[in-house]
Amino acid sequence: MIGVALAMIVGVAGHQGWKGYDLSQRRDASQRYAEAVRIAARNNAAETEKAFAQLAQSAPAGYAMIARFREAALAAQQGDGPRAASLYRRLAGDGGLDAPYRDLALMLAVLADADRGEPKALRQEIGRLTADASPWRHVAREMAALLALRAGETGGARDEFRRLAEDATAPAALKARAQEMTAALGKKQG
């Protein structure tokens, strides 16, 4: 009996110790993240990049993921599309992240490469995100239409914009953009 009681006490103490340690780690990550955001507000790109990179390396999973997204977004804001795309693709390939975050990272990687990447390859990359079951389908379809337009496939782009404009489940702002693009592309074709 004494052994069982002792084991229970040690187990509870260990559990409470772990909870305290975990809370301390999350609190520390929260403070470091807030500091990185303050540095970003001062528009010091080098310090901001360093702060988010350090956080991405050492913070608990949630803060690390957010820091990695911010690091990639900072590269995009600085006009470094190739680096942003690379950072986003690393997130997209991280099996430790939930699928919606990996898919978001993939969308952002393709967006970062949209002006200079091969349009057909980029469309293939986001192809699975255009499926009806994908929560990203509307944005992915809009991006695919824009990439088709960039590739010179005006008819395919117009058809995709028209489908988006007629999609009752598409967000209103996206539908409005799709309607405008359909009209503009229709005029170009005569």
C-alpha atoms as a PDB file:
ATOM      1  CA  MET A   1       0.000   0.000   0.000  1.00  0.00           C
ATOM      2  CA  ILE A   2       2.750   2.384   0.909  1.00  0.00           C
ATOM      3  CA  GLY A   3       4.457   1.678  -2.451  1.00  0.00           C
ATOM      4  CA  VAL A   4       1.229   2.385  -4.356  1.00  0.00           C
ATOM      5  CA  ALA A   5       0.639   5.597  -2.409  1.00  0.00           C
ATOM      6  CA  LEU A   6       4.222   6.659  -2.977  1.00  0.00           C
ATOM      7  CA  ALA A   7       3.925   5.936  -6.706  1.00  0.00           C
ATOM      8  CA  MET A   8       0.733   8.015  -6.883  1.00  0.00           C
ATOM      9  CA  ILE A   9       2.377  10.914  -5.059  1.00  0.00           C
ATOM     10  CA  VAL A  10       5.421  10.778  -7.332  1.00  0.00           C
ATOM     11  CA  GLY A  11       3.154  10.548 -10.391  1.00  0.00           C
ATOM     12  CA  VAL A  12       1.047  13.543  -9.341  1.00  0.00           C
ATOM     13  CA  ALA A  13       4.124  15.554  -8.416  1.00  0.00           C
ATOM     14  CA  GLY A  14       5.749  14.702 -11.749  1.00  0.00           C
ATOM     15  CA  HIS A  15       2.607  15.677 -13.633  1.00  0.00           C
ATOM     16  CA  GLN A  16       2.313  18.977 -11.767  1.00  0.00           C
ATOM     17  CA  GLY A  17       5.997  19.676 -12.328  1.00  0.00           C
ATOM     18  CA  TRP A  18       5.603  19.037 -16.045  1.00  0.00           C
ATOM     19  CA  LYS A  19       2.550  21.308 -16.236  1.00  0.00           C
ATOM     20  CA  GLY A  20       4.491  24.091 -14.504  1.00  0.00           C
ATOM     21  CA  TYR A  21       7.462  23.651 -16.824  1.00  0.00           C
ATOM     22  CA  ASP A  22       5.225  23.610 -19.916  1.00  0.00           C
ATOM     23  CA  LEU A  23       3.385  26.743 -18.779  1.00  0.00           C
ATOM     24  CA  SER A  24       6.715  28.460 -18.136  1.00  0.00           C
ATOM     25  CA  GLN A  25       7.932  27.543 -21.644  1.00  0.00           C
ATOM     26  CA  ARG A  26       4.743  28.823 -23.275  1.00  0.00           C
ATOM     27  CA  ARG A  27       4.841  32.046 -21.243  1.00  0.00           C
ATOM     28  CA  ASP A  28       8.469  32.612 -22.273  1.00  0.00           C
ATOM     29  CA  ALA A  29       7.623  31.964 -25.944  1.00  0.00           C
ATOM     30  CA  SER A  30       4.708  34.370 -25.694  1.00  0.00           C
ATOM     31  CA  GLN A  31       6.948  37.107 -24.337  1.00  0.00           C
ATOM     32  CA  ARG A  32       9.595  36.490 -27.002  1.00  0.00           C
ATOM     33  CA  TYR A  33       6.926  36.545 -29.703  1.00  0.00           C
ATOM     34  CA  ALA A  34       5.538  39.842 -28.384  1.00  0.00           C
ATOM     35  CA  GLU A  35       9.060  41.258 -28.407  1.00  0.00           C
ATOM     36  CA  ALA A  36       9.574  40.100 -32.026  1.00  0.00           C
ATOM     37  CA  VAL A  37       6.324  41.855 -32.976  1.00  0.00           C
ATOM     38  CA  ARG A  38       7.524  45.036 -31.228  1.00  0.00           C
ATOM     39  CA  ILE A  39      10.795  44.841 -33.173  1.00  0.00           C
ATOM     40  CA  ALA A  40       8.824  44.388 -36.395  1.00  0.00           C
ATOM     41  CA  ALA A  41       6.782  47.502 -35.570  1.00  0.00           C
ATOM     42  CA  ARG A  42      10.033  49.481 -35.477  1.00  0.00           C
ATOM     43  CA  ASN A  43      10.655  48.396 -39.100  1.00  0.00           C
ATOM     44  CA  ASN A  44      14.045  46.918 -38.333  1.00  0.00           C
ATOM     45  CA  ALA A  45      14.054  44.059 -40.836  1.00  0.00           C
ATOM     46  CA  ALA A  46      17.344  42.480 -39.775  1.00  0.00           C
ATOM     47  CA  GLU A  47      16.444  42.395 -36.076  1.00  0.00           C
ATOM     48  CA  THR A  48      12.906  41.236 -36.851  1.00  0.00           C
ATOM     49  CA  GLU A  49      14.162  38.404 -39.034  1.00  0.00           C
ATOM     50  CA  LYS A  50      16.616  37.338 -36.355  1.00  0.00           C
ATOM     51  CA  ALA A  51      13.966  37.431 -33.611  1.00  0.00           C
ATOM     52  CA  PHE A  52      11.471  35.327 -35.586  1.00  0.00           C
ATOM     53  CA  ALA A  53      14.159  32.884 -36.723  1.00  0.00           C
ATOM     54  CA  GLN A  54      15.294  32.344 -33.122  1.00  0.00           C
ATOM     55  CA  LEU A  55      11.709  31.896 -31.998  1.00  0.00           C
ATOM     56  CA  ALA A  56      11.056  29.406 -34.799  1.00  0.00           C
ATOM     57  CA  GLN A  57      14.053  27.361 -33.628  1.00  0.00           C
ATOM     58  CA  SER A  58      13.348  27.246 -29.912  1.00  0.00           C
ATOM     59  CA  ALA A  59       9.682  27.942 -29.157  1.00  0.00           C
ATOM     60  CA  PRO A  60       6.950  25.364 -28.552  1.00  0.00           C
ATOM     61  CA  ALA A  61       5.259  24.087 -31.718  1.00  0.00           C
ATOM     62  CA  GLY A  62       2.466  26.692 -32.026  1.00  0.00           C
ATOM     63  CA  TYR A  63       4.709  29.718 -31.536  1.00  0.00           C
ATOM     64  CA  ALA A  64       7.397  28.180 -33.728  1.00  0.00           C
ATOM     65  CA  MET A  65       4.898  27.738 -36.554  1.00  0.00           C
ATOM     66  CA  ILE A  66       3.622  31.310 -36.253  1.00  0.00           C
ATOM     67  CA  ALA A  67       7.190  32.621 -36.151  1.00  0.00           C
ATOM     68  CA  ARG A  68       8.059  30.653 -39.301  1.00  0.00           C
ATOM     69  CA  PHE A  69       5.027  32.114 -41.105  1.00  0.00           C
ATOM     70  CA  ARG A  70       6.022  35.614 -39.974  1.00  0.00           C
ATOM     71  CA  GLU A  71       9.615  35.057 -41.096  1.00  0.00           C
ATOM     72  CA  ALA A  72       8.397  34.062 -44.575  1.00  0.00           C
ATOM     73  CA  ALA A  73       5.954  36.981 -44.687  1.00  0.00           C
ATOM     74  CA  LEU A  74       8.777  39.349 -43.781  1.00  0.00           C
ATOM     75  CA  ALA A  75      10.854  38.031 -46.692  1.00  0.00           C
ATOM     76  CA  ALA A  76       7.885  38.637 -49.000  1.00  0.00           C
ATOM     77  CA  GLN A  77       7.390  42.166 -47.644  1.00  0.00           C
ATOM     78  CA  GLN A  78      11.057  42.893 -48.282  1.00  0.00           C
ATOM     79  CA  GLY A  79      10.612  41.848 -51.907  1.00  0.00           C
ATOM     80  CA  ASP A  80      12.588  38.620 -51.556  1.00  0.00           C
ATOM     81  CA  GLY A  81      10.062  36.354 -53.269  1.00  0.00           C
ATOM     82  CA  PRO A  82      12.418  33.399 -53.777  1.00  0.00           C
ATOM     83  CA  ARG A  83      13.331  33.301 -50.080  1.00  0.00           C
ATOM     84  CA  ALA A  84       9.686  33.741 -49.039  1.00  0.00           C
ATOM     85  CA  ALA A  85       8.627  30.927 -51.371  1.00  0.00           C
ATOM     86  CA  SER A  86      11.371  28.696 -49.996  1.00  0.00           C
ATOM     87  CA  LEU A  87      10.376  29.367 -46.389  1.00  0.00           C
ATOM     88  CA  TYR A  88       6.696  28.777 -47.176  1.00  0.00           C
ATOM     89  CA  ARG A  89       7.517  25.540 -49.016  1.00  0.00           C
ATOM     90  CA  ARG A  90       9.433  24.303 -45.976  1.00  0.00           C
ATOM     91  CA  LEU A  91       6.305  24.918 -43.920  1.00  0.00           C
ATOM     92  CA  ALA A  92       4.177  23.172 -46.547  1.00  0.00           C
ATOM     93  CA  GLY A  93       6.449  20.137 -46.354  1.00  0.00           C
ATOM     94  CA  ASP A  94       6.489  19.962 -42.564  1.00  0.00           C
ATOM     95  CA  GLY A  95       4.584  16.810 -41.636  1.00  0.00           C
ATOM     96  CA  GLY A  96       4.397  18.022 -38.036  1.00  0.00           C
ATOM     97  CA  LEU A  97       1.938  20.765 -38.995  1.00  0.00           C
ATOM     98  CA  ASP A  98      -1.771  20.205 -39.476  1.00  0.00           C
ATOM     99  CA  ALA A  99      -2.897  19.957 -43.097  1.00  0.00           C
ATOM    100  CA  PRO A 100      -4.724  23.337 -43.240  1.00  0.00           C
ATOM    101  CA  TYR A 101      -1.510  25.148 -42.229  1.00  0.00           C
ATOM    102  CA  ARG A 102       0.584  23.181 -44.725  1.00  0.00           C
ATOM    103  CA  ASP A 103      -1.961  23.996 -47.433  1.00  0.00           C
ATOM    104  CA  LEU A 104      -1.924  27.681 -46.494  1.00  0.00           C
ATOM    105  CA  ALA A 105       1.869  27.661 -46.696  1.00  0.00           C
ATOM    106  CA  LEU A 106       1.668  26.058 -50.147  1.00  0.00           C
ATOM    107  CA  MET A 107      -0.765  28.730 -51.339  1.00  0.00           C
ATOM    108  CA  LEU A 108       1.535  31.463 -50.027  1.00  0.00           C
ATOM    109  CA  ALA A 109       4.588  29.827 -51.649  1.00  0.00           C
ATOM    110  CA  VAL A 110       2.853  29.777 -55.025  1.00  0.00           C
ATOM    111  CA  LEU A 111       1.748  33.371 -54.512  1.00  0.00           C
ATOM    112  CA  ALA A 112       5.342  34.379 -53.724  1.00  0.00           C
ATOM    113  CA  ASP A 113       6.469  32.676 -56.960  1.00  0.00           C
ATOM    114  CA  ALA A 114       3.526  33.773 -59.119  1.00  0.00           C
ATOM    115  CA  ASP A 115       5.341  36.572 -60.942  1.00  0.00           C
ATOM    116  CA  ARG A 116       8.459  34.643 -61.847  1.00  0.00           C
ATOM    117  CA  GLY A 117       7.680  30.926 -61.611  1.00  0.00           C
ATOM    118  CA  GLU A 118       6.499  28.676 -64.418  1.00  0.00           C
ATOM    119  CA  PRO A 119       2.680  29.151 -64.441  1.00  0.00           C
ATOM    120  CA  LYS A 120       1.849  25.577 -65.419  1.00  0.00           C
ATOM    121  CA  ALA A 121       4.111  24.120 -62.728  1.00  0.00           C
ATOM    122  CA  LEU A 122       2.637  26.461 -60.119  1.00  0.00           C
ATOM    123  CA  ARG A 123      -0.900  25.487 -61.161  1.00  0.00           C
ATOM    124  CA  GLN A 124       0.007  21.826 -60.781  1.00  0.00           C
ATOM    125  CA  GLU A 125       1.457  22.538 -57.369  1.00  0.00           C
ATOM    126  CA  ILE A 126      -1.865  23.915 -56.085  1.00  0.00           C
ATOM    127  CA  GLY A 127      -4.010  21.568 -58.164  1.00  0.00           C
ATOM    128  CA  ARG A 128      -5.168  19.441 -55.239  1.00  0.00           C
ATOM    129  CA  LEU A 129      -6.258  22.579 -53.401  1.00  0.00           C
ATOM    130  CA  THR A 130      -8.809  23.356 -56.132  1.00  0.00           C
ATOM    131  CA  ALA A 131     -10.784  20.172 -55.326  1.00  0.00           C
ATOM    132  CA  ASP A 132     -14.346  20.621 -54.067  1.00  0.00           C
ATOM    133  CA  ALA A 133     -13.429  19.215 -50.636  1.00  0.00           C
ATOM    134  CA  SER A 134     -10.596  21.689 -50.095  1.00  0.00           C
ATOM    135  CA  PRO A 135     -11.264  24.628 -47.767  1.00  0.00           C
ATOM    136  CA  TRP A 136      -8.858  26.616 -49.974  1.00  0.00           C
ATOM    137  CA  ARG A 137     -10.650  25.783 -53.235  1.00  0.00           C
ATOM    138  CA  HIS A 138     -11.951  29.266 -54.015  1.00  0.00           C
ATOM    139  CA  VAL A 139      -8.644  31.032 -53.506  1.00  0.00           C
ATOM    140  CA  ALA A 140      -6.765  28.209 -55.243  1.00  0.00           C
ATOM    141  CA  ARG A 141      -9.119  28.406 -58.221  1.00  0.00           C
ATOM    142  CA  GLU A 142      -8.676  32.168 -58.436  1.00  0.00           C
ATOM    143  CA  MET A 143      -4.922  31.744 -58.291  1.00  0.00           C
ATOM    144  CA  ALA A 144      -5.074  28.994 -60.936  1.00  0.00           C
ATOM    145  CA  ALA A 145      -7.081  31.312 -63.198  1.00  0.00           C
ATOM    146  CA  LEU A 146      -4.547  34.102 -62.751  1.00  0.00           C
ATOM    147  CA  LEU A 147      -1.718  31.700 -63.521  1.00  0.00           C
ATOM    148  CA  ALA A 148      -3.572  30.508 -66.636  1.00  0.00           C
ATOM    149  CA  LEU A 149      -3.901  34.132 -67.697  1.00  0.00           C
ATOM    150  CA  ARG A 150      -0.194  34.682 -67.101  1.00  0.00           C
ATOM    151  CA  ALA A 151       0.532  31.610 -69.255  1.00  0.00           C
ATOM    152  CA  GLY A 152      -1.496  33.136 -72.084  1.00  0.00           C
ATOM    153  CA  GLU A 153      -4.434  30.758 -71.659  1.00  0.00           C
ATOM    154  CA  THR A 154      -7.075  33.495 -71.774  1.00  0.00           C
ATOM    155  CA  GLY A 155      -9.989  31.197 -72.560  1.00  0.00           C
ATOM    156  CA  GLY A 156      -9.184  28.832 -69.684  1.00  0.00           C
ATOM    157  CA  ALA A 157      -8.737  31.744 -67.309  1.00  0.00           C
ATOM    158  CA  ARG A 158     -12.041  33.290 -68.382  1.00  0.00           C
ATOM    159  CA  ASP A 159     -13.841  29.952 -67.893  1.00  0.00           C
ATOM    160  CA  GLU A 160     -12.391  29.542 -64.411  1.00  0.00           C
ATOM    161  CA  PHE A 161     -13.297  33.111 -63.454  1.00  0.00           C
ATOM    162  CA  ARG A 162     -16.830  32.546 -64.763  1.00  0.00           C
ATOM    163  CA  ARG A 163     -17.195  29.346 -62.670  1.00  0.00           C
ATOM    164  CA  LEU A 164     -16.009  31.261 -59.613  1.00  0.00           C
ATOM    165  CA  ALA A 165     -18.399  34.134 -60.321  1.00  0.00           C
ATOM    166  CA  GLU A 166     -21.297  31.664 -60.502  1.00  0.00           C
ATOM    167  CA  ASP A 167     -20.251  29.613 -57.445  1.00  0.00           C
ATOM    168  CA  ALA A 168     -22.826  30.186 -54.718  1.00  0.00           C
ATOM    169  CA  THR A 169     -20.348  29.027 -52.053  1.00  0.00           C
ATOM    170  CA  ALA A 170     -17.577  31.445 -53.043  1.00  0.00           C
ATOM    171  CA  PRO A 171     -16.922  34.455 -50.784  1.00  0.00           C
ATOM    172  CA  ALA A 172     -18.609  37.634 -52.018  1.00  0.00           C
ATOM    173  CA  ALA A 173     -15.389  39.609 -52.561  1.00  0.00           C
ATOM    174  CA  LEU A 174     -13.858  36.776 -54.567  1.00  0.00           C
ATOM    175  CA  LYS A 175     -17.029  36.424 -56.644  1.00  0.00           C
ATOM    176  CA  ALA A 176     -16.963  40.155 -57.372  1.00  0.00           C
ATOM    177  CA  ARG A 177     -13.336  39.958 -58.531  1.00  0.00           C
ATOM    178  CA  ALA A 178     -14.173  36.919 -60.669  1.00  0.00           C
ATOM    179  CA  GLN A 179     -17.113  38.762 -62.255  1.00  0.00           C
ATOM    180  CA  GLU A 180     -14.867  41.733 -63.052  1.00  0.00           C
ATOM    181  CA  MET A 181     -12.219  39.476 -64.572  1.00  0.00           C
ATOM    182  CA  THR A 182     -14.819  37.551 -66.591  1.00  0.00           C
ATOM    183  CA  ALA A 183     -16.161  40.816 -67.974  1.00  0.00           C
ATOM    184  CA  ALA A 184     -12.685  42.154 -68.730  1.00  0.00           C
ATOM    185  CA  LEU A 185     -11.588  38.950 -70.440  1.00  0.00           C
ATOM    186  CA  GLY A 186     -14.854  38.773 -72.348  1.00  0.00           C
ATOM    187  CA  LYS A 187     -14.210  42.239 -73.756  1.00  0.00           C
ATOM    188  CA  LYS A 188     -10.713  41.273 -74.838  1.00  0.00           C
ATOM    189  CA  GLN A 189     -12.057  38.304 -76.763  1.00  0.00           C
ATOM    190  CA  GLY A 190     -14.670  40.346 -78.568  1.00  0.00           C
END
